[in-house]
N, C-alpha and C. Protein backbone atom coordinates (compact mmCIF):
# COMPACT_ATOMS: atom_id res chain seq x y z
N MET A 1 52.15 13.58 -2.61
CA MET A 1 51.64 14.41 -2.98
C MET A 1 50.91 14.27 -4.26
N SER A 2 51.67 13.49 -5.16
CA SER A 2 51.49 13.23 -6.58
C SER A 2 50.17 12.38 -6.41
N ALA A 3 50.05 11.63 -5.49
CA ALA A 3 48.53 10.75 -5.52
C ALA A 3 47.65 11.49 -5.67
N LEU A 4 47.48 12.61 -4.77
CA LEU A 4 46.07 13.68 -4.29
C LEU A 4 45.99 14.43 -5.70
N ARG A 5 47.29 14.89 -6.42
CA ARG A 5 47.02 15.54 -7.72
C ARG A 5 46.19 14.85 -8.52
N LEU A 6 46.57 13.49 -8.72
CA LEU A 6 45.94 12.47 -9.66
C LEU A 6 44.50 12.34 -9.08
N LEU A 7 44.44 11.87 -8.07
CA LEU A 7 43.05 11.87 -7.68
C LEU A 7 42.23 13.13 -8.06
N SER A 8 42.48 14.59 -7.53
CA SER A 8 41.79 15.71 -8.03
C SER A 8 41.51 15.54 -9.24
N SER A 9 42.75 15.38 -10.01
CA SER A 9 42.75 15.72 -11.55
C SER A 9 41.42 14.82 -12.29
N ALA A 10 41.28 13.54 -11.69
CA ALA A 10 40.48 12.54 -12.14
C ALA A 10 38.83 13.20 -11.58
N ALA A 11 39.08 13.46 -10.68
CA ALA A 11 37.80 13.82 -10.11
C ALA A 11 37.09 15.26 -10.74
N ARG A 12 37.97 16.02 -11.43
CA ARG A 12 37.79 17.11 -12.40
C ARG A 12 36.99 16.74 -13.92
N ARG A 13 37.73 15.66 -14.41
CA ARG A 13 37.42 15.08 -15.71
C ARG A 13 36.40 14.17 -15.58
N ALA A 14 35.90 13.58 -14.46
CA ALA A 14 34.83 12.65 -14.15
C ALA A 14 33.54 13.54 -14.82
N PRO A 15 32.82 12.54 -15.40
CA PRO A 15 31.14 13.41 -15.70
C PRO A 15 30.45 13.90 -14.34
N SER A 16 29.95 14.83 -14.18
CA SER A 16 29.16 15.14 -13.23
C SER A 16 27.44 14.65 -13.21
N THR A 17 27.66 13.46 -12.93
CA THR A 17 26.06 13.00 -12.93
C THR A 17 25.22 13.13 -11.68
N LEU A 18 25.64 13.41 -10.66
CA LEU A 18 24.78 13.62 -9.41
C LEU A 18 24.34 15.08 -9.57
N ALA A 19 24.96 16.00 -10.26
CA ALA A 19 24.16 17.43 -10.51
C ALA A 19 22.97 17.31 -11.24
N GLN A 20 23.10 16.64 -12.14
CA GLN A 20 21.95 16.39 -13.04
C GLN A 20 20.73 15.66 -12.29
N GLN A 21 21.08 14.67 -11.33
CA GLN A 21 20.03 14.05 -10.77
C GLN A 21 19.00 14.31 -9.69
N ARG A 22 18.16 15.12 -10.14
CA ARG A 22 17.62 15.97 -9.01
C ARG A 22 16.00 15.60 -8.73
N ARG A 23 15.75 15.35 -7.53
CA ARG A 23 14.14 15.12 -7.19
C ARG A 23 13.30 16.23 -7.15
N GLY A 24 12.22 16.50 -8.03
CA GLY A 24 11.41 17.50 -8.01
C GLY A 24 10.18 17.42 -7.21
N TYR A 25 9.27 18.09 -7.29
CA TYR A 25 7.87 18.31 -6.46
C TYR A 25 7.06 17.32 -7.21
N ALA A 26 6.08 16.62 -7.06
CA ALA A 26 5.20 15.69 -7.41
C ALA A 26 4.43 16.49 -8.44
N GLU A 27 4.14 16.12 -9.42
CA GLU A 27 3.49 16.51 -10.77
C GLU A 27 1.98 16.60 -10.38
N VAL A 28 1.20 17.63 -10.71
CA VAL A 28 0.13 17.71 -10.03
C VAL A 28 -1.10 16.53 -10.86
N ALA A 29 -0.43 16.50 -12.40
CA ALA A 29 -1.30 15.60 -12.95
C ALA A 29 -1.12 14.18 -12.45
N ASP A 30 -0.40 13.91 -11.52
CA ASP A 30 0.10 12.49 -10.96
C ASP A 30 -0.83 11.88 -10.21
N LYS A 31 -1.27 10.46 -10.04
CA LYS A 31 -2.06 10.00 -9.44
C LYS A 31 -1.14 8.95 -8.69
N ILE A 32 -1.97 8.56 -7.47
CA ILE A 32 -1.19 7.51 -6.69
C ILE A 32 -2.22 6.21 -6.68
N SER A 33 -2.10 5.07 -6.72
CA SER A 33 -2.97 3.59 -7.02
C SER A 33 -3.19 3.62 -5.02
N LEU A 34 -4.57 3.67 -4.90
CA LEU A 34 -4.91 3.15 -3.48
C LEU A 34 -5.55 1.94 -3.52
N SER A 35 -5.27 1.30 -2.49
CA SER A 35 -5.92 -0.08 -2.04
C SER A 35 -6.21 0.32 -0.51
N LEU A 36 -7.46 0.36 -0.16
CA LEU A 36 -7.86 0.72 1.10
C LEU A 36 -8.60 -0.69 1.62
N VAL A 37 -7.83 -1.38 2.54
CA VAL A 37 -8.73 -2.87 2.69
C VAL A 37 -8.96 -2.71 3.96
N LEU A 38 -10.22 -3.62 4.50
CA LEU A 38 -10.67 -4.12 5.80
C LEU A 38 -10.38 -5.72 5.88
N PRO A 39 -10.23 -6.32 7.01
CA PRO A 39 -10.53 -7.86 6.82
C PRO A 39 -11.36 -8.77 6.00
N HIS A 40 -12.50 -8.06 5.71
CA HIS A 40 -13.60 -8.33 5.58
C HIS A 40 -14.14 -7.81 4.30
N GLN A 41 -13.55 -6.83 3.79
CA GLN A 41 -13.85 -6.05 2.28
C GLN A 41 -12.91 -4.97 2.11
N ALA A 42 -12.69 -4.62 0.66
CA ALA A 42 -11.99 -4.06 -0.11
C ALA A 42 -12.50 -2.94 -0.27
N ILE A 43 -12.40 -1.48 -0.01
CA ILE A 43 -13.15 -0.24 -0.05
C ILE A 43 -12.72 0.29 -1.69
N PHE A 44 -11.12 0.23 -1.64
CA PHE A 44 -10.36 0.84 -2.87
C PHE A 44 -9.57 -0.46 -3.50
N THR A 45 -9.46 -0.80 -4.26
CA THR A 45 -8.93 -1.74 -5.23
C THR A 45 -7.86 -1.40 -6.30
N SER A 46 -6.60 -0.73 -5.98
CA SER A 46 -5.85 -0.44 -6.88
C SER A 46 -6.59 0.84 -7.56
N THR A 47 -7.32 1.65 -7.09
CA THR A 47 -7.75 3.04 -7.60
C THR A 47 -6.86 4.11 -7.76
N ASP A 48 -6.86 4.90 -8.96
CA ASP A 48 -5.88 6.08 -9.10
C ASP A 48 -6.60 7.28 -8.30
N VAL A 49 -5.96 7.94 -7.56
CA VAL A 49 -6.64 9.28 -6.38
C VAL A 49 -5.50 10.11 -6.73
N VAL A 50 -5.82 11.37 -6.62
CA VAL A 50 -5.07 12.45 -6.32
C VAL A 50 -4.20 12.49 -5.16
N GLN A 51 -4.61 12.33 -3.99
CA GLN A 51 -4.10 12.48 -2.64
C GLN A 51 -4.83 11.61 -1.74
N VAL A 52 -4.05 11.25 -0.35
CA VAL A 52 -4.62 10.48 0.52
C VAL A 52 -4.35 11.03 2.00
N ASN A 53 -5.37 11.61 2.75
CA ASN A 53 -5.04 12.51 4.21
C ASN A 53 -5.19 11.07 5.23
N VAL A 54 -4.09 10.78 5.91
CA VAL A 54 -4.27 9.53 6.98
C VAL A 54 -3.76 10.30 8.37
N ALA A 55 -4.45 9.63 9.25
CA ALA A 55 -4.20 9.97 10.97
C ALA A 55 -3.04 9.02 11.24
N ALA A 56 -1.83 9.35 11.10
CA ALA A 56 -0.64 8.46 10.79
C ALA A 56 -0.47 8.79 12.56
N ALA A 57 0.33 7.64 13.38
CA ALA A 57 0.90 7.67 14.96
C ALA A 57 1.68 8.82 15.30
N THR A 58 2.39 9.44 14.23
CA THR A 58 3.21 10.17 14.42
C THR A 58 2.69 11.52 13.98
N GLY A 59 1.50 11.65 13.48
CA GLY A 59 0.67 13.13 13.29
C GLY A 59 0.03 13.01 11.90
N ASP A 60 -0.83 14.00 11.40
CA ASP A 60 -1.59 13.75 10.15
C ASP A 60 -0.77 13.98 9.08
N MET A 61 -1.13 13.37 7.88
CA MET A 61 0.12 12.95 6.87
C MET A 61 -0.77 12.80 5.53
N GLY A 62 -0.13 13.96 4.44
CA GLY A 62 -0.94 13.83 3.22
C GLY A 62 -0.14 13.30 2.35
N ILE A 63 -0.61 12.19 1.33
CA ILE A 63 0.05 11.41 0.71
C ILE A 63 -0.24 11.56 -0.79
N LEU A 64 0.77 12.05 -1.70
CA LEU A 64 0.35 12.34 -3.04
C LEU A 64 1.20 11.28 -3.94
N ALA A 65 1.11 11.62 -5.32
CA ALA A 65 2.28 10.59 -6.12
C ALA A 65 3.87 11.02 -5.65
N ASN A 66 4.77 9.96 -5.76
CA ASN A 66 5.69 10.39 -5.81
C ASN A 66 6.48 10.43 -4.30
N HIS A 67 5.48 9.90 -3.39
CA HIS A 67 5.97 10.30 -2.08
C HIS A 67 6.87 8.96 -1.72
N VAL A 68 7.90 9.47 -0.90
CA VAL A 68 9.13 8.47 -0.55
C VAL A 68 8.31 7.45 0.30
N PRO A 69 8.80 6.35 -0.28
CA PRO A 69 8.47 4.76 0.46
C PRO A 69 8.35 4.93 1.91
N SER A 70 7.42 4.47 2.94
CA SER A 70 7.36 4.39 3.90
C SER A 70 6.09 3.54 4.45
N ILE A 71 6.49 3.17 5.84
CA ILE A 71 5.23 2.06 6.57
C ILE A 71 4.96 3.42 7.75
N GLU A 72 3.80 3.49 8.09
CA GLU A 72 3.38 4.44 9.29
C GLU A 72 2.08 3.69 9.75
N ALA A 73 2.10 3.63 10.95
CA ALA A 73 1.23 3.17 11.94
C ALA A 73 0.07 4.32 12.18
N LEU A 74 -1.15 3.63 11.80
CA LEU A 74 -2.26 4.65 12.03
C LEU A 74 -3.03 4.28 13.43
N ARG A 75 -3.30 5.83 13.68
CA ARG A 75 -4.29 5.87 15.12
C ARG A 75 -5.76 5.77 14.85
N PRO A 76 -6.49 5.70 15.41
CA PRO A 76 -7.98 5.97 15.27
C PRO A 76 -8.06 7.52 14.64
N GLY A 77 -8.71 7.88 13.58
CA GLY A 77 -8.93 8.93 12.85
C GLY A 77 -9.32 8.68 11.79
N MET A 78 -9.19 10.05 11.02
CA MET A 78 -10.16 9.83 9.61
C MET A 78 -9.09 10.05 8.29
N ILE A 79 -9.33 9.09 7.50
CA ILE A 79 -8.95 8.82 6.24
C ILE A 79 -9.78 9.74 5.19
N GLU A 80 -8.97 10.51 4.46
CA GLU A 80 -9.74 11.20 3.32
C GLU A 80 -8.89 10.78 2.20
N VAL A 81 -10.00 10.76 1.04
CA VAL A 81 -9.36 10.10 -0.37
C VAL A 81 -9.78 11.15 -1.36
N ILE A 82 -8.90 11.99 -1.69
CA ILE A 82 -9.35 12.94 -2.46
C ILE A 82 -9.10 12.54 -4.34
N GLU A 83 -10.26 12.29 -4.76
CA GLU A 83 -10.26 11.99 -6.22
C GLU A 83 -10.14 13.23 -7.23
N SER A 84 -10.11 12.61 -8.29
CA SER A 84 -10.09 13.82 -9.87
C SER A 84 -11.21 14.69 -9.63
N GLY A 85 -11.00 16.16 -9.82
CA GLY A 85 -11.73 16.97 -9.58
C GLY A 85 -12.33 17.46 -8.18
N ASN A 86 -11.26 17.04 -7.42
CA ASN A 86 -11.26 17.34 -5.88
C ASN A 86 -12.58 16.86 -5.12
N ALA A 87 -13.21 15.58 -5.75
CA ALA A 87 -14.12 14.64 -4.90
C ALA A 87 -13.83 14.30 -3.90
N SER A 88 -14.01 14.43 -2.49
CA SER A 88 -13.43 13.97 -1.36
C SER A 88 -14.27 12.97 -0.88
N LYS A 89 -13.86 11.87 -0.42
CA LYS A 89 -14.59 10.69 0.54
C LYS A 89 -13.75 10.61 1.83
N LYS A 90 -14.53 10.65 2.99
CA LYS A 90 -14.06 10.40 4.07
C LYS A 90 -14.64 9.10 4.79
N TRP A 91 -13.29 8.44 5.63
CA TRP A 91 -14.10 7.17 6.44
C TRP A 91 -13.19 7.56 7.74
N PHE A 92 -13.88 6.91 8.73
CA PHE A 92 -13.04 6.78 10.10
C PHE A 92 -12.72 5.48 10.43
N ALA A 93 -11.64 5.70 10.69
CA ALA A 93 -10.43 4.16 10.76
C ALA A 93 -10.28 4.02 12.29
N SER A 94 -10.24 2.77 12.92
CA SER A 94 -9.89 2.69 14.18
C SER A 94 -8.38 2.26 14.29
N GLY A 95 -7.64 2.17 13.31
CA GLY A 95 -6.06 2.12 13.52
C GLY A 95 -5.71 1.00 12.75
N GLY A 96 -4.64 0.85 12.10
CA GLY A 96 -3.99 0.13 11.00
C GLY A 96 -2.64 0.46 10.80
N PHE A 97 -2.44 0.22 9.35
CA PHE A 97 -1.03 0.70 8.75
C PHE A 97 -1.39 1.15 7.16
N ALA A 98 -0.29 1.95 6.93
CA ALA A 98 -0.34 2.73 5.71
C ALA A 98 0.93 2.56 5.19
N THR A 99 0.95 1.69 4.20
CA THR A 99 2.35 1.53 3.18
C THR A 99 2.65 2.15 1.91
N VAL A 100 3.77 3.32 1.54
CA VAL A 100 3.80 3.80 0.76
C VAL A 100 4.95 2.73 -0.15
N HIS A 101 4.38 2.47 -1.19
CA HIS A 101 5.63 1.57 -2.40
C HIS A 101 5.76 2.37 -3.29
N PRO A 102 7.02 1.79 -3.85
CA PRO A 102 7.65 2.66 -4.99
C PRO A 102 6.69 2.53 -5.95
N GLY A 103 6.76 3.51 -7.03
CA GLY A 103 5.85 3.43 -8.14
C GLY A 103 4.28 3.84 -7.98
N ASN A 104 4.53 4.84 -7.01
CA ASN A 104 3.33 5.60 -6.75
C ASN A 104 1.96 4.70 -6.33
N LYS A 105 2.18 3.54 -5.29
CA LYS A 105 1.12 2.74 -4.80
C LYS A 105 1.06 2.99 -3.11
N LEU A 106 -0.11 2.65 -2.79
CA LEU A 106 -0.27 2.79 -1.27
C LEU A 106 -1.40 1.90 -0.97
N THR A 107 -1.03 1.60 0.07
CA THR A 107 -1.62 0.35 0.71
C THR A 107 -2.22 0.78 1.73
N ILE A 108 -3.59 0.54 2.44
CA ILE A 108 -3.79 1.07 3.79
C ILE A 108 -4.50 -0.12 4.29
N ASN A 109 -3.87 -0.82 5.22
CA ASN A 109 -4.85 -1.83 6.02
C ASN A 109 -5.15 -1.29 7.52
N VAL A 110 -6.85 -1.32 7.34
CA VAL A 110 -7.33 -1.08 8.86
C VAL A 110 -8.11 -2.46 9.56
N ILE A 111 -8.41 -1.98 10.78
CA ILE A 111 -9.06 -3.24 11.29
C ILE A 111 -10.48 -3.02 10.94
N GLU A 112 -11.20 -1.84 11.09
CA GLU A 112 -12.40 -1.58 11.06
C GLU A 112 -12.37 -0.06 10.20
N ALA A 113 -13.63 0.14 9.55
CA ALA A 113 -13.73 1.74 8.94
C ALA A 113 -15.00 1.71 8.41
N ALA A 114 -15.74 3.16 8.49
CA ALA A 114 -17.02 3.34 7.86
C ALA A 114 -16.97 4.67 7.48
N PRO A 115 -17.73 5.10 6.53
CA PRO A 115 -18.04 6.34 6.19
C PRO A 115 -18.27 7.45 7.16
N LEU A 116 -17.44 8.63 7.17
CA LEU A 116 -18.19 9.29 8.30
C LEU A 116 -19.25 9.80 8.48
N GLU A 117 -19.87 9.86 7.49
CA GLU A 117 -21.39 10.50 7.23
C GLU A 117 -22.33 9.31 7.94
N SER A 118 -21.76 7.90 8.42
CA SER A 118 -22.76 7.31 9.07
C SER A 118 -22.63 7.31 10.53
N PHE A 119 -22.09 8.30 11.02
CA PHE A 119 -21.97 8.46 12.50
C PHE A 119 -22.75 9.82 12.99
N SER A 120 -23.26 9.83 14.33
CA SER A 120 -24.18 10.59 14.32
C SER A 120 -23.36 11.47 15.53
N SER A 121 -23.40 12.93 15.42
CA SER A 121 -22.68 13.41 16.69
C SER A 121 -23.12 13.01 18.00
N GLU A 122 -24.33 13.23 18.26
CA GLU A 122 -24.90 13.28 19.35
C GLU A 122 -24.77 11.77 19.99
N ALA A 123 -24.92 10.78 19.28
CA ALA A 123 -24.26 9.50 19.79
C ALA A 123 -23.20 9.34 19.98
N VAL A 124 -22.11 10.11 19.57
CA VAL A 124 -20.75 9.76 19.62
C VAL A 124 -20.48 10.41 20.93
N ARG A 125 -21.21 11.99 21.33
CA ARG A 125 -21.12 12.61 22.72
C ARG A 125 -21.54 11.72 23.90
N ALA A 126 -22.79 11.12 23.54
CA ALA A 126 -23.44 10.54 24.52
C ALA A 126 -22.25 9.22 24.98
N ASN A 127 -21.62 8.54 23.91
CA ASN A 127 -21.32 7.22 24.20
C ASN A 127 -19.73 7.79 25.00
N LEU A 128 -19.04 9.06 24.41
CA LEU A 128 -18.04 9.60 24.95
C LEU A 128 -18.09 9.63 26.82
N GLN A 129 -19.36 10.41 26.94
CA GLN A 129 -19.66 10.60 28.33
C GLN A 129 -19.44 9.44 29.06
N GLU A 130 -20.20 8.47 28.57
CA GLU A 130 -20.32 7.01 29.49
C GLU A 130 -19.00 6.44 29.46
N ALA A 131 -18.20 6.55 28.46
CA ALA A 131 -16.98 5.88 28.62
C ALA A 131 -16.08 6.64 29.48
N LEU A 132 -15.78 8.28 29.62
CA LEU A 132 -15.21 8.86 30.75
C LEU A 132 -15.64 8.48 32.10
N LYS A 133 -17.21 8.23 32.10
CA LYS A 133 -17.59 7.83 33.27
C LYS A 133 -17.44 6.59 33.95
N VAL A 134 -17.05 5.31 33.13
CA VAL A 134 -16.48 4.48 33.40
C VAL A 134 -15.17 4.47 33.61
N ALA A 135 -14.28 5.40 33.03
CA ALA A 135 -12.69 5.17 33.16
C ALA A 135 -12.53 6.07 34.56
N ALA A 136 -13.47 6.91 34.93
CA ALA A 136 -13.24 7.63 36.27
C ALA A 136 -13.67 6.82 37.31
N GLY A 137 -14.78 5.89 37.14
CA GLY A 137 -15.51 4.87 38.23
C GLY A 137 -14.67 4.16 39.14
N ASN A 138 -15.50 3.48 39.91
CA ASN A 138 -14.69 2.44 40.92
C ASN A 138 -14.64 1.13 40.26
N GLY A 139 -14.46 0.62 38.91
CA GLY A 139 -14.43 -0.70 38.30
C GLY A 139 -13.12 -1.07 38.52
N SER A 140 -12.91 -2.43 37.87
CA SER A 140 -11.70 -2.97 37.96
C SER A 140 -10.84 -2.11 37.03
N GLU A 141 -9.50 -2.18 37.25
CA GLU A 141 -8.35 -1.55 36.31
C GLU A 141 -8.57 -2.13 34.72
N GLU A 142 -9.08 -3.17 34.60
CA GLU A 142 -9.04 -3.63 33.10
C GLU A 142 -10.37 -2.73 32.75
N ASP A 143 -11.71 -2.84 33.50
CA ASP A 143 -12.69 -2.32 32.85
C ASP A 143 -12.34 -0.73 32.53
N LYS A 144 -11.47 -0.02 33.57
CA LYS A 144 -11.14 1.34 33.01
C LYS A 144 -10.35 1.71 32.20
N MET A 145 -9.31 0.73 32.20
CA MET A 145 -8.24 0.65 30.90
C MET A 145 -9.29 0.36 29.52
N GLU A 146 -10.14 -0.35 29.40
CA GLU A 146 -11.02 -0.45 28.16
C GLU A 146 -11.65 0.56 27.94
N ALA A 147 -12.33 1.66 28.88
CA ALA A 147 -12.94 2.71 29.01
C ALA A 147 -12.11 3.83 28.33
N ARG A 148 -10.78 3.84 28.91
CA ARG A 148 -9.83 5.11 28.29
C ARG A 148 -9.48 4.62 27.19
N ILE A 149 -9.65 3.42 26.41
CA ILE A 149 -9.31 3.57 24.91
C ILE A 149 -10.53 3.64 24.05
N GLU A 150 -11.82 3.14 24.67
CA GLU A 150 -13.02 3.36 23.96
C GLU A 150 -13.25 5.22 23.95
N ALA A 151 -12.89 5.89 24.97
CA ALA A 151 -12.91 7.28 25.22
C ALA A 151 -12.23 7.93 24.11
N ASP A 152 -10.70 7.47 24.09
CA ASP A 152 -9.94 7.99 23.02
C ASP A 152 -10.31 7.95 21.78
N VAL A 153 -10.87 6.89 21.31
CA VAL A 153 -11.49 6.36 19.91
C VAL A 153 -12.68 7.19 19.70
N TYR A 154 -13.50 7.68 20.75
CA TYR A 154 -14.69 8.72 20.94
C TYR A 154 -14.08 9.95 20.47
N GLU A 155 -13.25 10.27 21.50
CA GLU A 155 -12.35 11.77 20.89
C GLU A 155 -12.19 11.96 19.87
N ALA A 156 -11.28 11.06 19.06
CA ALA A 156 -10.76 10.98 17.44
C ALA A 156 -11.87 11.08 16.98
N LEU A 157 -13.18 10.60 17.11
CA LEU A 157 -14.34 10.33 16.09
C LEU A 157 -15.16 11.69 16.06
N GLN A 158 -14.86 12.24 17.30
CA GLN A 158 -15.86 13.35 17.51
C GLN A 158 -14.62 14.91 16.78
N HIS A 159 -13.70 14.46 16.90
CA HIS A 159 -12.56 15.58 16.40
C HIS A 159 -12.84 15.65 14.66
N ALA A 160 -12.67 14.30 14.24
CA ALA A 160 -12.91 14.06 13.17
C ALA A 160 -14.58 14.69 12.19
N LEU A 161 -15.14 14.31 13.09
CA LEU A 161 -16.86 14.79 12.74
C LEU A 161 -17.05 16.39 12.71
N GLY A 162 -15.79 17.00 13.81
CA GLY A 162 -15.98 18.43 13.72
C GLY A 162 -15.07 19.04 13.09
N SER A 163 -14.23 18.11 11.86
CA SER A 163 -13.59 18.28 10.76
C SER A 163 -14.20 18.18 9.54
N LYS A 164 -15.49 17.75 9.50
CA LYS A 164 -16.32 17.14 8.39
C LYS A 164 -16.56 18.43 7.52
């Protein structure tokens, strides 16, 4: 019993550093350093931005300064970059990975990406209908699977254009 009293006495005398270490919300003025890279082109290279919204495989995700380090797989969808003054730039990406590093750094590697305004809603709708027709048709299983993947990408692109 005396060992328990000694331990509890020592615990009361120890400085309480844990109570002083708190994680707060990200400061509004904080920026995150963004690198958005394709295999053949760098769209952003260590550019300070306010927020980045991505279409993660687990759901849509907003990334601000002081975000917990993580790696997220990206599904086909929109990447929105919000710069100072709330200026927003949007791209459609076919998929890839977003890596949040310690020290307010974000790296996004995608296979293909294009500015959202470079897509035509009518062309996307027509190509989606064609892909759905092939996926439901009498072709080979390989052709049907490719068409289903194509249709999924067109549906994501149609959704991104609708939220433009």
